Amino acid sequence: AVAVVATGIAGETDALNLACSLLTLAQLCLQNLFIIEGLHRQPFDE
């Protein structure tokens, strides 16, 4: 993301590259929260 922004978004490939990087960061954070919360919950089975 730093390389794309610093050199300037010159075309469609740069825009897709930047969007992919930023959305992957969001996906990593949200998925980590979901998995960690799930691992620390009691099972539904009584």
All heavy atoms as atom14 arrays in JSON, in Angstrom:
{
  "sequence": "AVAVVATGIAGETDALNLACSLLTLAQLCLQNLFIIEGLHRQPFDE",
  "atom14_mask": [
    [1, 1, 1, 1, 1, 0, 0, 0, 0, 0, 0, 0, 0, 0],
    [1, 1, 1, 1, 1, 1, 1, 0, 0, 0, 0, 0, 0, 0],
    [1, 1, 1, 1, 1, 0, 0, 0, 0, 0, 0, 0, 0, 0],
    [1, 1, 1, 1, 1, 1, 1, 0, 0, 0, 0, 0, 0, 0],
    [1, 1, 1, 1, 1, 1, 1, 0, 0, 0, 0, 0, 0, 0],
    [1, 1, 1, 1, 1, 0, 0, 0, 0, 0, 0, 0, 0, 0],
    [1, 1, 1, 1, 1, 1, 1, 0, 0, 0, 0, 0, 0, 0],
    [1, 1, 1, 1, 0, 0, 0, 0, 0, 0, 0, 0, 0, 0],
    [1, 1, 1, 1, 1, 1, 1, 1, 0, 0, 0, 0, 0, 0],
    [1, 1, 1, 1, 1, 0, 0, 0, 0, 0, 0, 0, 0, 0],
    [1, 1, 1, 1, 0, 0, 0, 0, 0, 0, 0, 0, 0, 0],
    [1, 1, 1, 1, 1, 1, 1, 1, 1, 0, 0, 0, 0, 0],
    [1, 1, 1, 1, 1, 1, 1, 0, 0, 0, 0, 0, 0, 0],
    [1, 1, 1, 1, 1, 1, 1, 1, 0, 0, 0, 0, 0, 0],
    [1, 1, 1, 1, 1, 0, 0, 0, 0, 0, 0, 0, 0, 0],
    [1, 1, 1, 1, 1, 1, 1, 1, 0, 0, 0, 0, 0, 0],
    [1, 1, 1, 1, 1, 1, 1, 1, 0, 0, 0, 0, 0, 0],
    [1, 1, 1, 1, 1, 1, 1, 1, 0, 0, 0, 0, 0, 0],
    [1, 1, 1, 1, 1, 0, 0, 0, 0, 0, 0, 0, 0, 0],
    [1, 1, 1, 1, 1, 1, 0, 0, 0, 0, 0, 0, 0, 0],
    [1, 1, 1, 1, 1, 1, 0, 0, 0, 0, 0, 0, 0, 0],
    [1, 1, 1, 1, 1, 1, 1, 1, 0, 0, 0, 0, 0, 0],
    [1, 1, 1, 1, 1, 1, 1, 1, 0, 0, 0, 0, 0, 0],
    [1, 1, 1, 1, 1, 1, 1, 0, 0, 0, 0, 0, 0, 0],
    [1, 1, 1, 1, 1, 1, 1, 1, 0, 0, 0, 0, 0, 0],
    [1, 1, 1, 1, 1, 0, 0, 0, 0, 0, 0, 0, 0, 0],
    [1, 1, 1, 1, 1, 1, 1, 1, 1, 0, 0, 0, 0, 0],
    [1, 1, 1, 1, 1, 1, 1, 1, 0, 0, 0, 0, 0, 0],
    [1, 1, 1, 1, 1, 1, 0, 0, 0, 0, 0, 0, 0, 0],
    [1, 1, 1, 1, 1, 1, 1, 1, 0, 0, 0, 0, 0, 0],
    [1, 1, 1, 1, 1, 1, 1, 1, 1, 0, 0, 0, 0, 0],
    [1, 1, 1, 1, 1, 1, 1, 1, 0, 0, 0, 0, 0, 0],
    [1, 1, 1, 1, 1, 1, 1, 1, 0, 0, 0, 0, 0, 0],
    [1, 1, 1, 1, 1, 1, 1, 1, 1, 1, 1, 0, 0, 0],
    [1, 1, 1, 1, 1, 1, 1, 1, 0, 0, 0, 0, 0, 0],
    [1, 1, 1, 1, 1, 1, 1, 1, 0, 0, 0, 0, 0, 0],
    [1, 1, 1, 1, 1, 1, 1, 1, 1, 0, 0, 0, 0, 0],
    [1, 1, 1, 1, 0, 0, 0, 0, 0, 0, 0, 0, 0, 0],
    [1, 1, 1, 1, 1, 1, 1, 1, 0, 0, 0, 0, 0, 0],
    [1, 1, 1, 1, 1, 1, 1, 1, 1, 1, 0, 0, 0, 0],
    [1, 1, 1, 1, 1, 1, 1, 1, 1, 1, 1, 0, 0, 0],
    [1, 1, 1, 1, 1, 1, 1, 1, 1, 0, 0, 0, 0, 0],
    [1, 1, 1, 1, 1, 1, 1, 0, 0, 0, 0, 0, 0, 0],
    [1, 1, 1, 1, 1, 1, 1, 1, 1, 1, 1, 0, 0, 0],
    [1, 1, 1, 1, 1, 1, 1, 1, 0, 0, 0, 0, 0, 0],
    [1, 1, 1, 1, 1, 1, 1, 1, 1, 0, 0, 0, 0, 0]
  ],
  "atom14_positions": [
    [[0.83, -1.21, 0.0], [0.0, 0.0, 0.0], [0.86, 1.26, 0.0], [0.57, 2.23, -0.72], [-0.93, -0.02, 1.21], [0.0, 0.0, 0.0], [0.0, 0.0, 0.0], [0.0, 0.0, 0.0], [0.0, 0.0, 0.0], [0.0, 0.0, 0.0], [0.0, 0.0, 0.0], [0.0, 0.0, 0.0], [0.0, 0.0, 0.0], [0.0, 0.0, 0.0]],
    [[1.93, 1.26, 0.79], [2.82, 2.43, 0.82], [3.47, 2.65, -0.54], [3.57, 3.79, -1.04], [3.88, 2.25, 1.92], [4.97, 3.32, 1.8], [3.24, 2.32, 3.29], [0.0, 0.0, 0.0], [0.0, 0.0, 0.0], [0.0, 0.0, 0.0], [0.0, 0.0, 0.0], [0.0, 0.0, 0.0], [0.0, 0.0, 0.0], [0.0, 0.0, 0.0]],
    [[3.9, 1.57, -1.19], [4.54, 1.7, -2.51], [3.57, 2.25, -3.55], [3.94, 3.12, -4.36], [5.08, 0.33, -2.96], [0.0, 0.0, 0.0], [0.0, 0.0, 0.0], [0.0, 0.0, 0.0], [0.0, 0.0, 0.0], [0.0, 0.0, 0.0], [0.0, 0.0, 0.0], [0.0, 0.0, 0.0], [0.0, 0.0, 0.0], [0.0, 0.0, 0.0]],
    [[2.32, 1.77, -3.52], [1.34, 2.24, -4.51], [1.0, 3.7, -4.28], [0.95, 4.5, -5.23], [0.07, 1.36, -4.45], [-1.03, 1.93, -5.33], [0.38, -0.07, -4.87], [0.0, 0.0, 0.0], [0.0, 0.0, 0.0], [0.0, 0.0, 0.0], [0.0, 0.0, 0.0], [0.0, 0.0, 0.0], [0.0, 0.0, 0.0], [0.0, 0.0, 0.0]],
    [[0.75, 4.08, -3.04], [0.37, 5.47, -2.74], [1.54, 6.42, -3.02], [1.37, 7.51, -3.56], [-0.11, 5.59, -1.29], [-0.34, 7.05, -0.92], [-1.39, 4.78, -1.09], [0.0, 0.0, 0.0], [0.0, 0.0, 0.0], [0.0, 0.0, 0.0], [0.0, 0.0, 0.0], [0.0, 0.0, 0.0], [0.0, 0.0, 0.0], [0.0, 0.0, 0.0]],
    [[2.76, 6.0, -2.65], [3.91, 6.88, -2.81], [4.25, 7.12, -4.28], [4.68, 8.22, -4.65], [5.12, 6.29, -2.09], [0.0, 0.0, 0.0], [0.0, 0.0, 0.0], [0.0, 0.0, 0.0], [0.0, 0.0, 0.0], [0.0, 0.0, 0.0], [0.0, 0.0, 0.0], [0.0, 0.0, 0.0], [0.0, 0.0, 0.0], [0.0, 0.0, 0.0]],
    [[4.07, 6.11, -5.12], [4.39, 6.27, -6.54], [3.22, 6.84, -7.34], [3.4, 7.22, -8.5], [4.79, 4.91, -7.15], [3.73, 3.96, -6.92], [6.07, 4.4, -6.52], [0.0, 0.0, 0.0], [0.0, 0.0, 0.0], [0.0, 0.0, 0.0], [0.0, 0.0, 0.0], [0.0, 0.0, 0.0], [0.0, 0.0, 0.0], [0.0, 0.0, 0.0]],
    [[2.04, 6.88, -6.72], [0.87, 7.43, -7.42], [0.08, 6.34, -8.1], [0.64, 5.46, -8.75], [0.0, 0.0, 0.0], [0.0, 0.0, 0.0], [0.0, 0.0, 0.0], [0.0, 0.0, 0.0], [0.0, 0.0, 0.0], [0.0, 0.0, 0.0], [0.0, 0.0, 0.0], [0.0, 0.0, 0.0], [0.0, 0.0, 0.0], [0.0, 0.0, 0.0]],
    [[-1.24, 6.41, -7.95], [-2.13, 5.4, -8.55], [-2.28, 5.75, -10.02], [-3.08, 6.62, -10.4], [-3.48, 5.37, -7.83], [-3.27, 5.11, -6.32], [-4.38, 4.31, -8.43], [-4.54, 5.17, -5.51], [0.0, 0.0, 0.0], [0.0, 0.0, 0.0], [0.0, 0.0, 0.0], [0.0, 0.0, 0.0], [0.0, 0.0, 0.0], [0.0, 0.0, 0.0]],
    [[-1.51, 5.05, -10.86], [-1.42, 5.42, -12.27], [-2.48, 4.78, -13.14], [-2.77, 5.26, -14.23], [-0.04, 5.06, -12.82], [0.0, 0.0, 0.0], [0.0, 0.0, 0.0], [0.0, 0.0, 0.0], [0.0, 0.0, 0.0], [0.0, 0.0, 0.0], [0.0, 0.0, 0.0], [0.0, 0.0, 0.0], [0.0, 0.0, 0.0], [0.0, 0.0, 0.0]],
    [[-3.07, 3.68, -12.69], [-4.03, 3.01, -13.55], [-4.88, 2.03, -12.77], [-4.89, 2.0, -11.53], [0.0, 0.0, 0.0], [0.0, 0.0, 0.0], [0.0, 0.0, 0.0], [0.0, 0.0, 0.0], [0.0, 0.0, 0.0], [0.0, 0.0, 0.0], [0.0, 0.0, 0.0], [0.0, 0.0, 0.0], [0.0, 0.0, 0.0], [0.0, 0.0, 0.0]],
    [[-5.63, 1.21, -13.51], [-6.56, 0.26, -12.89], [-5.82, -0.78, -12.05], [-6.28, -1.17, -10.98], [-7.37, -0.44, -13.98], [-8.41, -1.42, -13.46], [-9.19, -2.08, -14.58], [-8.99, -1.71, -15.75], [-10.0, -2.99, -14.27], [0.0, 0.0, 0.0], [0.0, 0.0, 0.0], [0.0, 0.0, 0.0], [0.0, 0.0, 0.0], [0.0, 0.0, 0.0]],
    [[-4.66, -1.24, -12.51], [-3.91, -2.26, -11.77], [-3.47, -1.74, -10.42], [-3.58, -2.44, -9.4], [-2.69, -2.72, -12.59], [-3.13, -3.22, -13.85], [-1.93, -3.82, -11.86], [0.0, 0.0, 0.0], [0.0, 0.0, 0.0], [0.0, 0.0, 0.0], [0.0, 0.0, 0.0], [0.0, 0.0, 0.0], [0.0, 0.0, 0.0], [0.0, 0.0, 0.0]],
    [[-2.99, -0.51, -10.36], [-2.57, 0.07, -9.08], [-3.75, 0.23, -8.14], [-3.64, -0.01, -6.93], [-1.91, 1.43, -9.32], [-0.52, 1.3, -9.92], [0.03, 0.18, -9.87], [0.0, 2.3, -10.45], [0.0, 0.0, 0.0], [0.0, 0.0, 0.0], [0.0, 0.0, 0.0], [0.0, 0.0, 0.0], [0.0, 0.0, 0.0], [0.0, 0.0, 0.0]],
    [[-4.9, 0.66, -8.69], [-6.09, 0.82, -7.85], [-6.54, -0.51, -7.27], [-6.88, -0.61, -6.08], [-7.21, 1.47, -8.67], [0.0, 0.0, 0.0], [0.0, 0.0, 0.0], [0.0, 0.0, 0.0], [0.0, 0.0, 0.0], [0.0, 0.0, 0.0], [0.0, 0.0, 0.0], [0.0, 0.0, 0.0], [0.0, 0.0, 0.0], [0.0, 0.0, 0.0]],
    [[-6.55, -1.56, -8.11], [-6.94, -2.89, -7.63], [-5.94, -3.42, -6.61], [-6.31, -4.07, -5.62], [-7.07, -3.85, -8.8], [-8.27, -3.65, -9.72], [-8.18, -4.54, -10.95], [-9.57, -3.95, -8.96], [0.0, 0.0, 0.0], [0.0, 0.0, 0.0], [0.0, 0.0, 0.0], [0.0, 0.0, 0.0], [0.0, 0.0, 0.0], [0.0, 0.0, 0.0]],
    [[-4.66, -3.17, -6.86], [-3.63, -3.61, -5.93], [-3.8, -2.96, -4.56], [-3.72, -3.62, -3.51], [-2.25, -3.27, -6.51], [-1.12, -3.96, -5.78], [-1.33, -4.76, -4.87], [0.1, -3.66, -6.16], [0.0, 0.0, 0.0], [0.0, 0.0, 0.0], [0.0, 0.0, 0.0], [0.0, 0.0, 0.0], [0.0, 0.0, 0.0], [0.0, 0.0, 0.0]],
    [[-4.06, -1.65, -4.55], [-4.27, -0.94, -3.28], [-5.54, -1.42, -2.58], [-5.53, -1.65, -1.36], [-4.35, 0.56, -3.55], [-4.58, 1.45, -2.33], [-3.45, 1.31, -1.32], [-4.75, 2.91, -2.75], [0.0, 0.0, 0.0], [0.0, 0.0, 0.0], [0.0, 0.0, 0.0], [0.0, 0.0, 0.0], [0.0, 0.0, 0.0], [0.0, 0.0, 0.0]],
    [[-6.63, -1.57, -3.33], [-7.89, -2.04, -2.73], [-7.73, -3.44, -2.15], [-8.22, -3.74, -1.05], [-8.99, -2.02, -3.78], [0.0, 0.0, 0.0], [0.0, 0.0, 0.0], [0.0, 0.0, 0.0], [0.0, 0.0, 0.0], [0.0, 0.0, 0.0], [0.0, 0.0, 0.0], [0.0, 0.0, 0.0], [0.0, 0.0, 0.0], [0.0, 0.0, 0.0]],
    [[-7.02, -4.31, -2.88], [-6.81, -5.68, -2.4], [-6.01, -5.68, -1.1], [-6.33, -6.42, -0.16], [-6.08, -6.49, -3.48], [-5.76, -8.2, -3.03], [0.0, 0.0, 0.0], [0.0, 0.0, 0.0], [0.0, 0.0, 0.0], [0.0, 0.0, 0.0], [0.0, 0.0, 0.0], [0.0, 0.0, 0.0], [0.0, 0.0, 0.0], [0.0, 0.0, 0.0]],
    [[-4.98, -4.84, -1.02], [-4.16, -4.78, 0.19], [-4.96, -4.28, 1.39], [-4.9, -4.87, 2.48], [-2.95, -3.88, -0.05], [-2.14, -4.37, -1.1], [0.0, 0.0, 0.0], [0.0, 0.0, 0.0], [0.0, 0.0, 0.0], [0.0, 0.0, 0.0], [0.0, 0.0, 0.0], [0.0, 0.0, 0.0], [0.0, 0.0, 0.0], [0.0, 0.0, 0.0]],
    [[-5.72, -3.2, 1.21], [-6.48, -2.63, 2.33], [-7.59, -3.56, 2.79], [-7.82, -3.73, 4.0], [-7.04, -1.27, 1.92], [-6.0, -0.19, 1.6], [-6.68, 1.11, 1.18], [-5.07, 0.05, 2.8], [0.0, 0.0, 0.0], [0.0, 0.0, 0.0], [0.0, 0.0, 0.0], [0.0, 0.0, 0.0], [0.0, 0.0, 0.0], [0.0, 0.0, 0.0]],
    [[-8.3, -4.16, 1.84], [-9.39, -5.07, 2.22], [-8.86, -6.35, 2.85], [-9.51, -6.93, 3.72], [-10.24, -5.38, 1.0], [-11.13, -4.22, 0.52], [-11.76, -4.55, -0.82], [-12.22, -3.93, 1.56], [0.0, 0.0, 0.0], [0.0, 0.0, 0.0], [0.0, 0.0, 0.0], [0.0, 0.0, 0.0], [0.0, 0.0, 0.0], [0.0, 0.0, 0.0]],
    [[-7.69, -6.8, 2.42], [-7.09, -7.97, 3.06], [-6.73, -7.67, 4.51], [-6.89, -8.53, 5.39], [-5.84, -8.42, 2.28], [-6.21, -8.76, 0.94], [-5.19, -9.64, 2.93], [0.0, 0.0, 0.0], [0.0, 0.0, 0.0], [0.0, 0.0, 0.0], [0.0, 0.0, 0.0], [0.0, 0.0, 0.0], [0.0, 0.0, 0.0], [0.0, 0.0, 0.0]],
    [[-6.24, -6.47, 4.78], [-5.96, -6.08, 6.16], [-7.22, -6.12, 7.01], [-7.2, -6.63, 8.15], [-5.35, -4.68, 6.19], [-3.91, -4.55, 5.68], [-3.53, -3.07, 5.54], [-2.94, -5.25, 6.62], [0.0, 0.0, 0.0], [0.0, 0.0, 0.0], [0.0, 0.0, 0.0], [0.0, 0.0, 0.0], [0.0, 0.0, 0.0], [0.0, 0.0, 0.0]],
    [[-8.31, -5.59, 6.49], [-9.58, -5.62, 7.23], [-10.04, -7.05, 7.45], [-10.52, -7.41, 8.53], [-10.64, -4.82, 6.47], [0.0, 0.0, 0.0], [0.0, 0.0, 0.0], [0.0, 0.0, 0.0], [0.0, 0.0, 0.0], [0.0, 0.0, 0.0], [0.0, 0.0, 0.0], [0.0, 0.0, 0.0], [0.0, 0.0, 0.0], [0.0, 0.0, 0.0]],
    [[-9.9, -7.88, 6.42], [-10.32, -9.28, 6.53], [-9.52, -10.03, 7.6], [-10.07, -10.82, 8.38], [-10.18, -9.97, 5.18], [-10.8, -11.36, 5.11], [-9.82, -12.45, 5.49], [-8.64, -12.36, 5.18], [-10.32, -13.49, 6.13], [0.0, 0.0, 0.0], [0.0, 0.0, 0.0], [0.0, 0.0, 0.0], [0.0, 0.0, 0.0], [0.0, 0.0, 0.0]],
    [[-8.22, -9.77, 7.66], [-7.39, -10.42, 8.67], [-7.82, -10.05, 10.08], [-7.96, -10.92, 10.95], [-5.92, -10.03, 8.46], [-5.21, -10.57, 7.21], [-3.85, -9.91, 7.07], [-5.06, -12.07, 7.27], [0.0, 0.0, 0.0], [0.0, 0.0, 0.0], [0.0, 0.0, 0.0], [0.0, 0.0, 0.0], [0.0, 0.0, 0.0], [0.0, 0.0, 0.0]],
    [[-8.05, -8.77, 10.31], [-8.44, -8.31, 11.65], [-9.78, -8.88, 12.07], [-9.94, -9.4, 13.19], [-8.46, -6.79, 11.7], [-6.84, -6.01, 11.43], [0.0, 0.0, 0.0], [0.0, 0.0, 0.0], [0.0, 0.0, 0.0], [0.0, 0.0, 0.0], [0.0, 0.0, 0.0], [0.0, 0.0, 0.0], [0.0, 0.0, 0.0], [0.0, 0.0, 0.0]],
    [[-10.77, -8.81, 11.18], [-12.1, -9.3, 11.53], [-12.11, -10.82, 11.71], [-12.75, -11.34, 12.64], [-13.1, -8.89, 10.44], [-13.4, -7.39, 10.35], [-14.24, -7.09, 9.12], [-14.11, -6.91, 11.61], [0.0, 0.0, 0.0], [0.0, 0.0, 0.0], [0.0, 0.0, 0.0], [0.0, 0.0, 0.0], [0.0, 0.0, 0.0], [0.0, 0.0, 0.0]],
    [[-11.39, -11.54, 10.85], [-11.36, -13.0, 10.98], [-10.65, -13.43, 12.26], [-11.09, -14.37, 12.94], [-10.68, -13.63, 9.77], [-10.61, -15.15, 9.83], [-10.06, -15.76, 8.57], [-10.79, -16.04, 7.62], [-8.76, -15.96, 8.53], [0.0, 0.0, 0.0], [0.0, 0.0, 0.0], [0.0, 0.0, 0.0], [0.0, 0.0, 0.0], [0.0, 0.0, 0.0]],
    [[-9.57, -12.74, 12.62], [-8.9, -13.07, 13.87], [-9.81, -12.89, 15.07], [-9.85, -13.73, 15.98], [-7.64, -12.2, 14.03], [-6.49, -12.66, 13.16], [-6.49, -13.77, 12.65], [-5.51, -11.8, 13.0], [0.0, 0.0, 0.0], [0.0, 0.0, 0.0], [0.0, 0.0, 0.0], [0.0, 0.0, 0.0], [0.0, 0.0, 0.0], [0.0, 0.0, 0.0]],
    [[-10.55, -11.78, 15.09], [-11.49, -11.55, 16.19], [-12.56, -12.63, 16.24], [-12.91, -13.13, 17.32], [-12.14, -10.17, 16.03], [-11.23, -8.96, 16.24], [-11.97, -7.67, 15.89], [-10.72, -8.91, 17.67], [0.0, 0.0, 0.0], [0.0, 0.0, 0.0], [0.0, 0.0, 0.0], [0.0, 0.0, 0.0], [0.0, 0.0, 0.0], [0.0, 0.0, 0.0]],
    [[-13.08, -13.02, 15.08], [-14.13, -14.03, 15.03], [-13.61, -15.38, 15.53], [-14.27, -16.06, 16.34], [-14.65, -14.16, 13.61], [-15.62, -15.3, 13.41], [-16.92, -15.22, 13.87], [-15.21, -16.48, 12.79], [-17.81, -16.27, 13.7], [-16.09, -17.53, 12.61], [-17.39, -17.43, 13.07], [0.0, 0.0, 0.0], [0.0, 0.0, 0.0], [0.0, 0.0, 0.0]],
    [[-12.43, -15.78, 15.08], [-11.9, -17.09, 15.47], [-11.54, -17.11, 16.95], [-11.87, -18.07, 17.67], [-10.68, -17.44, 14.61], [-11.09, -17.65, 13.15], [-10.0, -18.7, 15.12], [-9.92, -17.92, 12.21], [0.0, 0.0, 0.0], [0.0, 0.0, 0.0], [0.0, 0.0, 0.0], [0.0, 0.0, 0.0], [0.0, 0.0, 0.0], [0.0, 0.0, 0.0]],
    [[-10.88, -16.08, 17.43], [-10.46, -16.06, 18.84], [-11.67, -16.06, 19.76], [-11.7, -16.77, 20.77], [-9.57, -14.84, 19.1], [-8.24, -14.99, 18.35], [-9.31, -14.66, 20.59], [-7.37, -13.75, 18.37], [0.0, 0.0, 0.0], [0.0, 0.0, 0.0], [0.0, 0.0, 0.0], [0.0, 0.0, 0.0], [0.0, 0.0, 0.0], [0.0, 0.0, 0.0]],
    [[-12.7, -15.29, 19.4], [-13.92, -15.29, 20.21], [-14.58, -16.65, 20.19], [-15.07, -17.14, 21.22], [-14.88, -14.22, 19.69], [-16.15, -14.07, 20.5], [-15.91, -13.51, 21.89], [-14.85, -12.9, 22.11], [-16.78, -13.71, 22.77], [0.0, 0.0, 0.0], [0.0, 0.0, 0.0], [0.0, 0.0, 0.0], [0.0, 0.0, 0.0], [0.0, 0.0, 0.0]],
    [[-14.59, -17.31, 19.04], [-15.2, -18.62, 18.94], [-14.44, -19.68, 19.72], [-15.05, -20.57, 20.35], [0.0, 0.0, 0.0], [0.0, 0.0, 0.0], [0.0, 0.0, 0.0], [0.0, 0.0, 0.0], [0.0, 0.0, 0.0], [0.0, 0.0, 0.0], [0.0, 0.0, 0.0], [0.0, 0.0, 0.0], [0.0, 0.0, 0.0], [0.0, 0.0, 0.0]],
    [[-13.11, -19.61, 19.72], [-12.31, -20.6, 20.46], [-12.49, -20.46, 21.97], [-12.27, -21.43, 22.71], [-10.83, -20.44, 20.11], [-10.43, -20.83, 18.68], [-8.96, -20.5, 18.44], [-10.67, -22.32, 18.44], [0.0, 0.0, 0.0], [0.0, 0.0, 0.0], [0.0, 0.0, 0.0], [0.0, 0.0, 0.0], [0.0, 0.0, 0.0], [0.0, 0.0, 0.0]],
    [[-12.87, -19.29, 22.44], [-13.01, -19.06, 23.87], [-14.45, -19.18, 24.36], [-14.72, -18.87, 25.52], [-12.46, -17.68, 24.24], [-10.97, -17.61, 24.23], [-10.25, -17.41, 23.07], [-10.04, -17.74, 25.23], [-8.95, -17.4, 23.36], [-8.81, -17.59, 24.65], [0.0, 0.0, 0.0], [0.0, 0.0, 0.0], [0.0, 0.0, 0.0], [0.0, 0.0, 0.0]],
    [[-15.37, -19.6, 23.5], [-16.76, -19.8, 23.93], [-17.0, -21.24, 24.34], [-16.42, -22.17, 23.79], [-17.72, -19.44, 22.78], [-17.83, -17.95, 22.5], [-18.39, -17.19, 23.69], [-18.5, -15.76, 23.45], [-19.65, -15.13, 23.2], [-20.78, -15.82, 23.14], [-19.67, -13.82, 23.01], [0.0, 0.0, 0.0], [0.0, 0.0, 0.0], [0.0, 0.0, 0.0]],
    [[-17.89, -21.4, 25.33], [-18.29, -22.74, 25.73], [-19.06, -23.41, 24.59], [-19.78, -22.74, 23.84], [-19.2, -22.67, 26.97], [-18.52, -22.19, 28.23], [-17.68, -23.26, 28.89], [-17.62, -24.39, 28.41], [-17.03, -22.92, 29.99], [0.0, 0.0, 0.0], [0.0, 0.0, 0.0], [0.0, 0.0, 0.0], [0.0, 0.0, 0.0], [0.0, 0.0, 0.0]],
    [[-18.93, -24.72, 24.42], [-19.71, -25.41, 23.38], [-21.2, -25.28, 23.63], [-21.66, -25.14, 24.76], [-19.25, -26.87, 23.5], [-17.94, -26.81, 24.2], [-18.03, -25.63, 25.12], [0.0, 0.0, 0.0], [0.0, 0.0, 0.0], [0.0, 0.0, 0.0], [0.0, 0.0, 0.0], [0.0, 0.0, 0.0], [0.0, 0.0, 0.0], [0.0, 0.0, 0.0]],
    [[-21.98, -25.33, 22.54], [-23.44, -25.29, 22.68], [-23.96, -26.55, 23.34], [-24.96, -26.53, 24.03], [-24.11, -25.14, 21.31], [-24.24, -23.72, 20.86], [-23.43, -23.21, 19.86], [-25.18, -22.89, 21.43], [-23.56, -21.91, 19.44], [-25.32, -21.58, 21.02], [-24.51, -21.08, 20.01], [0.0, 0.0, 0.0], [0.0, 0.0, 0.0], [0.0, 0.0, 0.0]],
    [[-23.27, -27.67, 23.11], [-23.76, -28.94, 23.67], [-23.71, -28.88, 25.19], [-22.7, -28.52, 25.78], [-22.89, -30.11, 23.18], [-22.93, -30.22, 21.67], [-24.0, -30.54, 21.14], [-21.9, -29.96, 21.05], [0.0, 0.0, 0.0], [0.0, 0.0, 0.0], [0.0, 0.0, 0.0], [0.0, 0.0, 0.0], [0.0, 0.0, 0.0], [0.0, 0.0, 0.0]],
    [[-24.83, -29.26, 25.8], [-24.89, -29.23, 27.25], [-24.02, -30.33, 27.83], [-23.92, -31.42, 27.3], [-26.34, -29.41, 27.75], [-27.26, -28.27, 27.4], [-27.81, -28.4, 25.99], [-27.53, -29.42, 25.36], [-28.49, -27.47, 25.54], [0.0, 0.0, 0.0], [0.0, 0.0, 0.0], [0.0, 0.0, 0.0], [0.0, 0.0, 0.0], [0.0, 0.0, 0.0]]
  ]
}
